[in-house]
């Protein structure tokens, strides 16, 4: 789960940061390659649970940035100061999103803890009186004959 969140958040914030720094936004085919890179980043993060989140996000921002620059053909945007600042802010936003996600997930887990069941005293069960009708049991089960008729007269 952590890998998917880190990969997806890293890719989304990298695309937003790239667009805010006047970089080219991805077309559909470029977006599919970026999505594949996000899946790869998520798989690496998921396979290495001791990998800290911040280096993973930095690597994700860098990989997505290079893919966007190379695939859109604007190589002059590769190392501009505005692009570096935008991707740095994108990394911090991704880190804030993941931290918020972690806090919300912990709260949900705490709230959804199972409640201990405390049994009370056993109650005495009162059985209903049996029907006086001489109807077959199958008719009683299907509701054909039962207590819906007029009261039984005792003569």
N, C-alpha and C. Protein backbone atom coordinates (compact mmCIF):
# COMPACT_ATOMS: atom_id res chain seq x y z
N UNK A 1 0.83 -1.19 0.00
CA UNK A 1 0.00 0.00 0.00
C UNK A 1 0.87 1.25 0.00
N UNK A 2 1.92 1.22 0.81
CA UNK A 2 2.80 2.38 0.90
C UNK A 2 3.46 2.67 -0.44
N UNK A 3 3.87 1.62 -1.13
CA UNK A 3 4.51 1.80 -2.44
C UNK A 3 3.60 2.45 -3.45
N UNK A 4 2.34 2.02 -3.48
CA UNK A 4 1.38 2.62 -4.40
C UNK A 4 1.12 4.08 -4.10
N UNK A 5 1.03 4.39 -2.82
CA UNK A 5 0.79 5.79 -2.43
C UNK A 5 2.00 6.66 -2.77
N UNK A 6 3.20 6.16 -2.49
CA UNK A 6 4.41 6.96 -2.79
C UNK A 6 4.57 7.12 -4.29
N UNK A 7 4.40 6.05 -5.06
CA UNK A 7 4.55 6.15 -6.51
C UNK A 7 3.53 7.07 -7.15
N UNK A 8 2.27 6.90 -6.76
CA UNK A 8 1.21 7.73 -7.33
C UNK A 8 1.32 9.19 -6.94
N UNK A 9 1.59 9.44 -5.68
CA UNK A 9 1.72 10.82 -5.21
C UNK A 9 2.92 11.50 -5.84
N UNK A 10 4.00 10.77 -5.97
CA UNK A 10 5.20 11.33 -6.58
C UNK A 10 4.95 11.70 -8.03
N UNK A 11 4.28 10.83 -8.77
CA UNK A 11 4.01 11.11 -10.18
C UNK A 11 3.04 12.28 -10.34
N UNK A 12 1.98 12.31 -9.54
CA UNK A 12 0.99 13.39 -9.67
C UNK A 12 1.59 14.75 -9.33
N UNK A 13 2.34 14.81 -8.24
CA UNK A 13 2.93 16.10 -7.88
C UNK A 13 4.04 16.50 -8.85
N UNK A 14 4.73 15.53 -9.43
CA UNK A 14 5.78 15.86 -10.41
C UNK A 14 5.16 16.43 -11.69
N UNK A 15 4.04 15.87 -12.11
CA UNK A 15 3.37 16.41 -13.31
C UNK A 15 2.86 17.83 -13.03
N UNK A 16 2.28 18.04 -11.85
CA UNK A 16 1.79 19.38 -11.49
C UNK A 16 2.95 20.37 -11.39
N UNK A 17 4.04 19.96 -10.77
CA UNK A 17 5.19 20.85 -10.64
C UNK A 17 5.79 21.17 -12.00
N UNK A 18 5.83 20.18 -12.86
CA UNK A 18 6.38 20.39 -14.20
C UNK A 18 5.52 21.40 -14.97
N UNK A 19 4.21 21.29 -14.84
CA UNK A 19 3.33 22.24 -15.52
C UNK A 19 3.41 23.64 -14.93
N UNK A 20 3.57 23.74 -13.59
CA UNK A 20 3.67 25.06 -12.96
C UNK A 20 4.96 25.79 -13.33
N UNK A 21 5.99 25.04 -13.69
CA UNK A 21 7.27 25.67 -14.06
C UNK A 21 7.35 25.87 -15.57
N UNK A 22 6.21 25.97 -16.24
CA UNK A 22 6.09 26.18 -17.67
C UNK A 22 6.69 25.04 -18.51
N UNK A 23 6.69 23.85 -17.97
CA UNK A 23 7.10 22.68 -18.74
C UNK A 23 5.91 22.15 -19.51
N UNK A 24 6.17 21.27 -20.45
CA UNK A 24 5.09 20.68 -21.24
C UNK A 24 4.34 19.65 -20.41
N UNK A 25 3.02 19.72 -20.47
CA UNK A 25 2.21 18.70 -19.82
C UNK A 25 2.16 17.47 -20.71
N UNK A 26 2.03 16.30 -20.12
CA UNK A 26 2.12 15.07 -20.91
C UNK A 26 0.89 14.83 -21.79
N UNK A 27 1.15 14.26 -22.95
CA UNK A 27 0.06 13.78 -23.80
C UNK A 27 -0.35 12.40 -23.27
N UNK A 28 -1.28 11.77 -23.92
CA UNK A 28 -1.79 10.50 -23.42
C UNK A 28 -0.71 9.42 -23.42
N UNK A 29 0.06 9.31 -24.50
CA UNK A 29 1.09 8.27 -24.54
C UNK A 29 2.20 8.55 -23.53
N UNK A 30 2.56 9.81 -23.34
CA UNK A 30 3.56 10.16 -22.33
C UNK A 30 3.02 9.88 -20.93
N UNK A 31 1.74 10.16 -20.74
CA UNK A 31 1.12 9.91 -19.44
C UNK A 31 1.12 8.42 -19.09
N UNK A 32 0.96 7.58 -20.09
CA UNK A 32 1.00 6.13 -19.84
C UNK A 32 2.40 5.69 -19.41
N UNK A 33 3.42 6.27 -20.02
CA UNK A 33 4.79 5.94 -19.64
C UNK A 33 5.09 6.45 -18.23
N UNK A 34 4.59 7.64 -17.91
CA UNK A 34 4.77 8.19 -16.56
C UNK A 34 4.02 7.32 -15.54
N UNK A 35 2.85 6.84 -15.91
CA UNK A 35 2.11 5.95 -15.01
C UNK A 35 2.87 4.64 -14.79
N UNK A 36 3.50 4.13 -15.83
CA UNK A 36 4.31 2.92 -15.68
C UNK A 36 5.50 3.19 -14.77
N UNK A 37 6.09 4.37 -14.89
CA UNK A 37 7.20 4.73 -14.01
C UNK A 37 6.72 4.85 -12.57
N UNK A 38 5.51 5.38 -12.37
CA UNK A 38 4.96 5.48 -11.01
C UNK A 38 4.74 4.10 -10.42
N UNK A 39 4.28 3.16 -11.23
CA UNK A 39 4.10 1.79 -10.77
C UNK A 39 5.45 1.18 -10.40
N UNK A 40 6.48 1.45 -11.22
CA UNK A 40 7.82 0.93 -10.91
C UNK A 40 8.37 1.53 -9.62
N UNK A 41 8.16 2.82 -9.43
CA UNK A 41 8.60 3.47 -8.20
C UNK A 41 7.87 2.86 -7.00
N UNK A 42 6.58 2.66 -7.15
CA UNK A 42 5.79 2.04 -6.08
C UNK A 42 6.25 0.63 -5.78
N UNK A 43 6.62 -0.13 -6.82
CA UNK A 43 7.10 -1.49 -6.60
C UNK A 43 8.42 -1.51 -5.85
N UNK A 44 9.32 -0.57 -6.19
CA UNK A 44 10.61 -0.49 -5.49
C UNK A 44 10.39 -0.10 -4.03
N UNK A 45 9.53 0.87 -3.79
CA UNK A 45 9.26 1.31 -2.42
C UNK A 45 8.58 0.18 -1.63
N UNK A 46 7.67 -0.53 -2.28
CA UNK A 46 7.00 -1.63 -1.60
C UNK A 46 7.93 -2.79 -1.30
N UNK A 47 8.93 -3.00 -2.17
CA UNK A 47 9.87 -4.11 -1.96
C UNK A 47 10.93 -3.78 -0.91
N UNK A 48 11.16 -2.51 -0.67
CA UNK A 48 12.16 -2.11 0.33
C UNK A 48 11.48 -1.29 1.42
N UNK A 49 10.90 -1.96 2.42
CA UNK A 49 10.13 -1.22 3.44
C UNK A 49 10.98 -0.30 4.30
N UNK A 50 12.28 -0.52 4.35
CA UNK A 50 13.13 0.36 5.17
C UNK A 50 13.56 1.63 4.43
N UNK A 51 13.22 1.74 3.15
CA UNK A 51 13.57 2.93 2.38
C UNK A 51 12.76 4.11 2.90
N UNK A 52 13.43 5.18 3.33
CA UNK A 52 12.68 6.34 3.84
C UNK A 52 11.84 6.98 2.73
N UNK A 53 10.79 7.64 3.12
CA UNK A 53 9.85 8.20 2.15
C UNK A 53 10.44 9.36 1.37
N UNK A 54 11.16 10.25 2.02
CA UNK A 54 11.68 11.44 1.34
C UNK A 54 12.63 11.09 0.20
N UNK A 55 13.63 10.22 0.36
CA UNK A 55 14.46 9.85 -0.79
C UNK A 55 13.67 9.19 -1.91
N UNK A 56 12.66 8.42 -1.56
CA UNK A 56 11.82 7.80 -2.59
C UNK A 56 11.06 8.85 -3.37
N UNK A 57 10.55 9.87 -2.68
CA UNK A 57 9.83 10.95 -3.37
C UNK A 57 10.77 11.77 -4.24
N UNK A 58 11.97 12.04 -3.74
CA UNK A 58 12.96 12.78 -4.54
C UNK A 58 13.31 12.02 -5.81
N UNK A 59 13.53 10.72 -5.67
CA UNK A 59 13.84 9.90 -6.84
C UNK A 59 12.66 9.88 -7.81
N UNK A 60 11.44 9.77 -7.27
CA UNK A 60 10.26 9.77 -8.11
C UNK A 60 10.09 11.08 -8.86
N UNK A 61 10.32 12.20 -8.19
CA UNK A 61 10.25 13.50 -8.86
C UNK A 61 11.28 13.58 -9.98
N UNK A 62 12.49 13.11 -9.69
CA UNK A 62 13.55 13.16 -10.71
C UNK A 62 13.23 12.28 -11.90
N UNK A 63 12.77 11.08 -11.66
CA UNK A 63 12.47 10.16 -12.77
C UNK A 63 11.34 10.71 -13.62
N UNK A 64 10.28 11.18 -13.00
CA UNK A 64 9.14 11.71 -13.76
C UNK A 64 9.54 12.98 -14.51
N UNK A 65 10.35 13.83 -13.90
CA UNK A 65 10.82 15.05 -14.57
C UNK A 65 11.63 14.70 -15.82
N UNK A 66 12.57 13.78 -15.68
CA UNK A 66 13.39 13.39 -16.83
C UNK A 66 12.52 12.78 -17.92
N UNK A 67 11.56 11.94 -17.54
CA UNK A 67 10.67 11.36 -18.54
C UNK A 67 9.85 12.43 -19.27
N UNK A 68 9.33 13.39 -18.52
CA UNK A 68 8.54 14.45 -19.15
C UNK A 68 9.39 15.30 -20.08
N UNK A 69 10.61 15.59 -19.70
CA UNK A 69 11.49 16.41 -20.54
C UNK A 69 11.88 15.64 -21.80
N UNK A 70 12.29 14.41 -21.63
CA UNK A 70 12.76 13.62 -22.78
C UNK A 70 11.61 13.29 -23.73
N UNK A 71 10.47 12.92 -23.20
CA UNK A 71 9.36 12.49 -24.06
C UNK A 71 8.62 13.64 -24.72
N UNK A 72 8.67 14.84 -24.15
CA UNK A 72 7.99 15.98 -24.78
C UNK A 72 8.92 16.75 -25.70
N UNK A 73 10.20 16.48 -25.65
CA UNK A 73 11.14 17.10 -26.59
C UNK A 73 11.63 18.47 -26.19
N UNK A 74 11.39 18.92 -24.98
CA UNK A 74 11.87 20.23 -24.53
C UNK A 74 13.08 20.03 -23.62
N UNK A 75 14.21 19.77 -24.22
CA UNK A 75 15.42 19.47 -23.45
C UNK A 75 16.03 20.69 -22.79
N UNK A 76 15.62 21.88 -23.19
CA UNK A 76 16.17 23.08 -22.54
C UNK A 76 15.61 23.26 -21.13
N UNK A 77 14.52 22.55 -20.79
CA UNK A 77 13.94 22.65 -19.45
C UNK A 77 14.55 21.66 -18.47
N UNK A 78 15.58 20.94 -18.87
CA UNK A 78 16.08 19.86 -18.04
C UNK A 78 16.60 20.35 -16.69
N UNK A 79 17.40 21.41 -16.66
CA UNK A 79 17.98 21.87 -15.39
C UNK A 79 17.77 23.36 -15.17
N UNK A 80 16.58 23.87 -15.26
CA UNK A 80 16.34 25.29 -14.99
C UNK A 80 16.03 25.49 -13.51
N UNK A 81 16.36 26.69 -12.98
CA UNK A 81 16.09 26.95 -11.56
C UNK A 81 14.59 26.89 -11.21
N UNK A 82 13.75 27.38 -12.11
CA UNK A 82 12.31 27.34 -11.81
C UNK A 82 11.80 25.90 -11.75
N UNK A 83 12.36 25.05 -12.60
CA UNK A 83 11.96 23.64 -12.60
C UNK A 83 12.43 22.96 -11.31
N UNK A 84 13.65 23.28 -10.88
CA UNK A 84 14.17 22.69 -9.64
C UNK A 84 13.33 23.14 -8.44
N UNK A 85 12.97 24.42 -8.41
CA UNK A 85 12.15 24.93 -7.31
C UNK A 85 10.76 24.30 -7.32
N UNK A 86 10.17 24.17 -8.50
CA UNK A 86 8.82 23.59 -8.59
C UNK A 86 8.83 22.12 -8.16
N UNK A 87 9.84 21.38 -8.57
CA UNK A 87 9.90 19.97 -8.17
C UNK A 87 10.24 19.81 -6.69
N UNK A 88 10.99 20.77 -6.13
CA UNK A 88 11.25 20.73 -4.68
C UNK A 88 9.95 20.95 -3.90
N UNK A 89 9.17 21.92 -4.34
CA UNK A 89 7.88 22.16 -3.70
C UNK A 89 6.97 20.96 -3.92
N UNK A 90 7.02 20.36 -5.11
CA UNK A 90 6.23 19.16 -5.38
C UNK A 90 6.58 18.01 -4.45
N UNK A 91 7.88 17.88 -4.15
CA UNK A 91 8.31 16.83 -3.22
C UNK A 91 7.75 17.08 -1.83
N UNK A 92 7.79 18.34 -1.39
CA UNK A 92 7.26 18.67 -0.06
C UNK A 92 5.74 18.48 0.01
N UNK A 93 5.06 18.82 -1.07
CA UNK A 93 3.60 18.62 -1.11
C UNK A 93 3.29 17.13 -1.06
N UNK A 94 4.06 16.33 -1.81
CA UNK A 94 3.84 14.88 -1.79
C UNK A 94 4.10 14.32 -0.39
N UNK A 95 5.14 14.81 0.26
CA UNK A 95 5.44 14.36 1.62
C UNK A 95 4.32 14.74 2.58
N UNK A 96 3.78 15.94 2.43
CA UNK A 96 2.65 16.37 3.28
C UNK A 96 1.41 15.51 3.02
N UNK A 97 1.15 15.19 1.75
CA UNK A 97 0.00 14.34 1.43
C UNK A 97 0.15 12.94 2.04
N UNK A 98 1.35 12.38 1.96
CA UNK A 98 1.57 11.04 2.50
C UNK A 98 1.50 11.06 4.02
N UNK A 99 2.04 12.10 4.63
CA UNK A 99 1.97 12.22 6.09
C UNK A 99 0.51 12.34 6.54
N UNK A 100 -0.28 13.12 5.81
CA UNK A 100 -1.70 13.25 6.12
C UNK A 100 -2.41 11.91 5.94
N UNK A 101 -2.06 11.21 4.86
CA UNK A 101 -2.66 9.89 4.62
C UNK A 101 -2.33 8.94 5.76
N UNK A 102 -1.08 8.93 6.21
CA UNK A 102 -0.68 8.06 7.31
C UNK A 102 -1.46 8.37 8.58
N UNK A 103 -1.62 9.66 8.88
CA UNK A 103 -2.35 10.05 10.09
C UNK A 103 -3.81 9.65 10.01
N UNK A 104 -4.42 9.84 8.85
CA UNK A 104 -5.83 9.47 8.68
C UNK A 104 -5.99 7.95 8.77
N UNK A 105 -5.06 7.21 8.17
CA UNK A 105 -5.14 5.74 8.22
C UNK A 105 -5.00 5.23 9.65
N UNK A 106 -4.10 5.84 10.41
CA UNK A 106 -3.96 5.44 11.82
C UNK A 106 -5.23 5.73 12.61
N UNK A 107 -5.83 6.89 12.36
CA UNK A 107 -7.06 7.25 13.08
C UNK A 107 -8.20 6.29 12.71
N UNK A 108 -8.30 5.93 11.44
CA UNK A 108 -9.34 5.00 11.02
C UNK A 108 -9.12 3.63 11.66
N UNK A 109 -7.86 3.19 11.70
CA UNK A 109 -7.57 1.90 12.33
C UNK A 109 -7.93 1.93 13.81
N UNK A 110 -7.64 3.04 14.49
CA UNK A 110 -7.96 3.15 15.90
C UNK A 110 -9.46 3.16 16.14
N UNK A 111 -10.18 3.86 15.27
CA UNK A 111 -11.63 3.94 15.43
C UNK A 111 -12.33 2.65 15.07
N UNK A 112 -11.73 1.86 14.22
CA UNK A 112 -12.39 0.63 13.79
C UNK A 112 -11.92 -0.59 14.56
N UNK A 113 -11.31 -0.37 15.72
CA UNK A 113 -10.91 -1.51 16.56
C UNK A 113 -12.17 -2.24 17.00
N UNK A 114 -12.11 -3.55 17.09
CA UNK A 114 -13.31 -4.28 17.52
C UNK A 114 -13.67 -3.96 18.97
N UNK A 115 -14.95 -3.86 19.23
CA UNK A 115 -15.45 -3.56 20.56
C UNK A 115 -15.59 -4.88 21.32
N UNK A 116 -15.13 -4.88 22.56
CA UNK A 116 -15.24 -6.10 23.36
C UNK A 116 -16.69 -6.34 23.73
N UNK A 117 -17.11 -7.56 23.54
CA UNK A 117 -18.48 -7.95 23.86
C UNK A 117 -18.53 -8.46 25.29
N UNK A 118 -19.41 -7.89 26.07
CA UNK A 118 -19.60 -8.33 27.45
C UNK A 118 -20.96 -9.00 27.51
N UNK A 119 -20.97 -10.27 27.82
CA UNK A 119 -22.23 -11.02 27.86
C UNK A 119 -23.01 -10.69 29.13
N UNK A 120 -24.29 -10.55 28.99
CA UNK A 120 -25.15 -10.31 30.14
C UNK A 120 -25.68 -11.63 30.68
N UNK A 121 -26.60 -11.53 31.62
CA UNK A 121 -27.19 -12.75 32.17
C UNK A 121 -28.03 -13.43 31.10
N UNK A 122 -28.02 -14.76 31.10
CA UNK A 122 -28.87 -15.44 30.10
C UNK A 122 -30.34 -15.23 30.44
N UNK A 123 -31.12 -15.01 29.43
CA UNK A 123 -32.55 -14.78 29.63
C UNK A 123 -33.31 -16.10 29.51
N UNK A 124 -34.40 -16.18 30.22
CA UNK A 124 -35.24 -17.36 30.14
C UNK A 124 -36.09 -17.24 28.88
N UNK A 125 -36.07 -18.28 28.08
CA UNK A 125 -36.82 -18.26 26.83
C UNK A 125 -38.21 -18.83 27.09
N UNK A 126 -39.22 -18.09 26.69
CA UNK A 126 -40.60 -18.53 26.84
C UNK A 126 -41.07 -19.02 25.48
N UNK A 127 -41.42 -20.29 25.40
CA UNK A 127 -41.87 -20.85 24.15
C UNK A 127 -43.33 -20.49 23.90
N UNK A 128 -43.65 -20.25 22.66
CA UNK A 128 -45.03 -19.96 22.29
C UNK A 128 -45.85 -21.25 22.36
N UNK A 129 -47.13 -21.12 22.71
CA UNK A 129 -47.95 -22.34 22.76
C UNK A 129 -48.11 -22.94 21.38
N UNK A 130 -48.19 -24.23 21.36
CA UNK A 130 -48.34 -24.93 20.08
C UNK A 130 -49.74 -24.71 19.53
N UNK A 131 -49.82 -24.78 18.24
CA UNK A 131 -51.10 -24.62 17.56
C UNK A 131 -51.96 -25.87 17.80
N UNK A 132 -53.28 -25.67 17.93
CA UNK A 132 -54.18 -26.79 18.17
C UNK A 132 -54.68 -27.38 16.86
N UNK A 133 -54.26 -26.82 15.74
CA UNK A 133 -54.81 -27.32 14.48
C UNK A 133 -54.22 -28.67 14.14
N UNK A 134 -55.00 -29.45 13.45
CA UNK A 134 -54.57 -30.79 13.05
C UNK A 134 -54.03 -30.76 11.63
N UNK A 135 -53.52 -29.62 11.18
CA UNK A 135 -53.02 -29.49 9.81
C UNK A 135 -51.64 -30.11 9.71
N UNK A 136 -51.28 -30.57 8.53
CA UNK A 136 -49.93 -31.10 8.33
C UNK A 136 -48.88 -30.02 8.59
N UNK A 137 -47.70 -30.44 9.03
CA UNK A 137 -46.63 -29.50 9.37
C UNK A 137 -46.18 -28.67 8.17
N UNK A 138 -46.23 -29.26 6.97
CA UNK A 138 -45.80 -28.52 5.77
C UNK A 138 -46.69 -27.31 5.53
N UNK A 139 -47.99 -27.47 5.75
CA UNK A 139 -48.90 -26.34 5.56
C UNK A 139 -48.63 -25.25 6.59
N UNK A 140 -48.29 -25.64 7.81
CA UNK A 140 -47.98 -24.64 8.83
C UNK A 140 -46.71 -23.90 8.49
N UNK A 141 -45.70 -24.61 7.93
CA UNK A 141 -44.44 -23.97 7.56
C UNK A 141 -44.62 -22.94 6.46
N UNK A 142 -45.44 -23.26 5.48
CA UNK A 142 -45.62 -22.35 4.35
C UNK A 142 -46.63 -21.26 4.64
N UNK A 143 -47.23 -21.27 5.79
CA UNK A 143 -48.15 -20.21 6.17
C UNK A 143 -49.55 -20.39 5.63
N UNK A 144 -49.86 -21.57 5.06
CA UNK A 144 -51.19 -21.77 4.51
C UNK A 144 -52.23 -21.87 5.61
N UNK A 145 -51.88 -22.52 6.69
CA UNK A 145 -52.79 -22.67 7.81
C UNK A 145 -52.07 -22.10 9.02
N UNK A 146 -52.74 -21.30 9.76
CA UNK A 146 -52.06 -20.72 10.92
C UNK A 146 -53.01 -19.93 11.75
N UNK A 147 -52.55 -18.88 12.32
CA UNK A 147 -53.34 -18.10 13.26
C UNK A 147 -54.10 -16.97 12.57
N UNK A 148 -54.26 -17.01 11.29
CA UNK A 148 -54.94 -15.92 10.60
C UNK A 148 -56.45 -16.08 10.56
N UNK A 149 -56.95 -17.23 10.85
CA UNK A 149 -58.39 -17.48 10.76
C UNK A 149 -59.10 -16.98 12.01
N UNK A 150 -60.40 -17.27 12.06
CA UNK A 150 -61.17 -16.87 13.25
C UNK A 150 -60.73 -17.71 14.45
N UNK A 151 -60.98 -17.25 15.64
CA UNK A 151 -60.56 -18.00 16.81
C UNK A 151 -61.23 -19.37 16.89
N UNK A 152 -60.52 -20.29 17.49
CA UNK A 152 -61.01 -21.64 17.64
C UNK A 152 -62.10 -21.65 18.71
N UNK A 153 -63.26 -22.21 18.37
CA UNK A 153 -64.32 -22.25 19.37
C UNK A 153 -64.22 -23.54 20.15
N UNK A 154 -64.34 -23.45 21.43
CA UNK A 154 -64.23 -24.62 22.30
C UNK A 154 -65.63 -25.08 22.69
N UNK A 155 -66.21 -25.98 21.99
CA UNK A 155 -67.55 -26.49 22.30
C UNK A 155 -67.47 -27.87 22.80
